[in-house]
Amino acid sequence: MKKSDLVEVVAKKAHLTKKAAKEAIEVFLDEVSRLLTKGDKVTLSSFGTFKVKKVADKKGRKSPADPTPVVHKKHRVVRFMASKTLKKAVK
């Protein structure tokens, strides 16, 4: 599903205009992004939790064909943990 598809579904089910639905979705996504950028956790009941995880430096190699050692710098990544309700629904 693309964002435009989601806008159409939200507009129809929430009895909104497409413009209002698009704005609501964009505000939601912007706010989630802002909170994750700050390092906060975002929990949506019955859906799941988005959180930021720190990944430490680790050694690796350039590619399987080129075994030159490389250090992958520490960084942060976004993780999503599905709620029990969502896991049951998908099962």
Protein backbone atom coordinates (compact mmCIF):
# COMPACT_ATOMS: atom_id res chain seq x y z
CA MET A 1 0.00 0.00 0.00
CA LYS A 2 1.30 3.40 -0.95
CA LYS A 3 0.70 6.62 0.95
CA SER A 4 -1.83 7.77 -1.66
CA ASP A 5 -3.77 4.51 -1.20
CA LEU A 6 -3.78 5.05 2.56
CA VAL A 7 -5.06 8.61 2.09
CA GLU A 8 -7.99 7.31 0.04
CA VAL A 9 -8.90 4.64 2.60
CA VAL A 10 -8.69 7.08 5.54
CA ALA A 11 -10.71 9.70 3.67
CA LYS A 12 -13.44 7.18 2.88
CA LYS A 13 -13.63 5.48 6.30
CA ALA A 14 -13.33 8.67 8.37
CA HIS A 15 -15.68 10.65 6.09
CA LEU A 16 -12.99 13.23 5.36
CA THR A 17 -11.88 14.96 2.21
CA LYS A 18 -8.73 13.56 0.64
CA LYS A 19 -6.97 16.82 1.46
CA ALA A 20 -7.89 16.55 5.16
CA ALA A 21 -6.94 12.87 5.30
CA LYS A 22 -3.58 13.56 3.63
CA GLU A 23 -2.86 16.39 6.07
CA ALA A 24 -3.77 14.22 9.08
CA ILE A 25 -1.52 11.39 7.89
CA GLU A 26 1.37 13.75 7.18
CA VAL A 27 1.05 15.38 10.61
CA PHE A 28 1.03 11.93 12.24
CA LEU A 29 4.12 10.78 10.33
CA ASP A 30 5.97 14.04 10.98
CA GLU A 31 5.25 13.80 14.70
CA VAL A 32 6.41 10.17 14.89
CA SER A 33 9.59 11.11 13.01
CA ARG A 34 10.21 14.09 15.32
CA LEU A 35 9.81 11.96 18.44
CA LEU A 36 12.08 9.20 17.12
CA THR A 37 14.70 11.79 16.14
CA LYS A 38 14.71 12.96 19.77
CA GLY A 39 15.20 9.35 20.86
CA ASP A 40 11.70 8.95 22.30
CA LYS A 41 9.62 5.80 22.02
CA VAL A 42 6.23 5.86 20.24
CA THR A 43 3.66 3.32 21.44
CA LEU A 44 0.37 2.80 19.62
CA SER A 45 -1.96 0.60 21.68
CA SER A 46 -3.02 -2.62 19.95
CA PHE A 47 -0.56 -1.90 17.13
CA GLY A 48 3.03 -1.72 18.34
CA THR A 49 5.99 0.35 19.42
CA PHE A 50 8.55 2.29 17.42
CA LYS A 51 11.85 2.93 19.18
CA VAL A 52 15.41 3.99 18.39
CA LYS A 53 18.21 1.51 19.02
CA LYS A 54 21.91 2.31 19.11
CA VAL A 55 24.16 0.00 17.09
CA ALA A 56 27.80 -0.15 18.19
CA ASP A 57 30.86 -0.16 15.92
CA LYS A 58 31.44 -3.56 14.40
CA LYS A 59 34.05 -5.10 12.17
CA GLY A 60 33.12 -6.49 8.82
CA ARG A 61 34.47 -6.81 5.32
CA LYS A 62 33.94 -4.83 2.17
CA SER A 63 32.17 -7.63 0.29
CA PRO A 64 32.31 -11.42 0.01
CA ALA A 65 34.55 -11.03 -3.05
CA ASP A 66 36.82 -8.44 -1.39
CA PRO A 67 37.69 -9.47 2.19
CA THR A 68 39.30 -6.10 3.02
CA PRO A 69 38.44 -5.34 6.66
CA VAL A 70 36.05 -2.44 7.25
CA VAL A 71 34.68 -0.88 10.45
CA HIS A 72 30.96 -0.07 10.37
CA LYS A 73 30.55 3.06 12.49
CA LYS A 74 28.07 3.21 15.36
CA HIS A 75 24.69 4.57 14.41
CA ARG A 76 21.03 4.62 15.40
CA VAL A 77 18.25 2.63 13.75
CA VAL A 78 14.47 2.55 14.12
CA ARG A 79 12.94 -0.71 15.33
CA PHE A 80 9.29 -1.71 15.38
CA MET A 81 7.88 -4.24 17.83
CA ALA A 82 4.38 -5.46 17.01
CA SER A 83 1.86 -5.71 19.86
CA LYS A 84 0.37 -9.05 20.90
CA THR A 85 -2.93 -7.99 19.34
CA LEU A 86 -1.31 -7.28 15.96
CA LYS A 87 0.70 -10.50 16.07
CA LYS A 88 -2.48 -12.49 16.73
CA ALA A 89 -4.32 -10.75 13.88
CA VAL A 90 -1.54 -11.45 11.40
CA LYS A 91 -1.09 -15.06 12.46
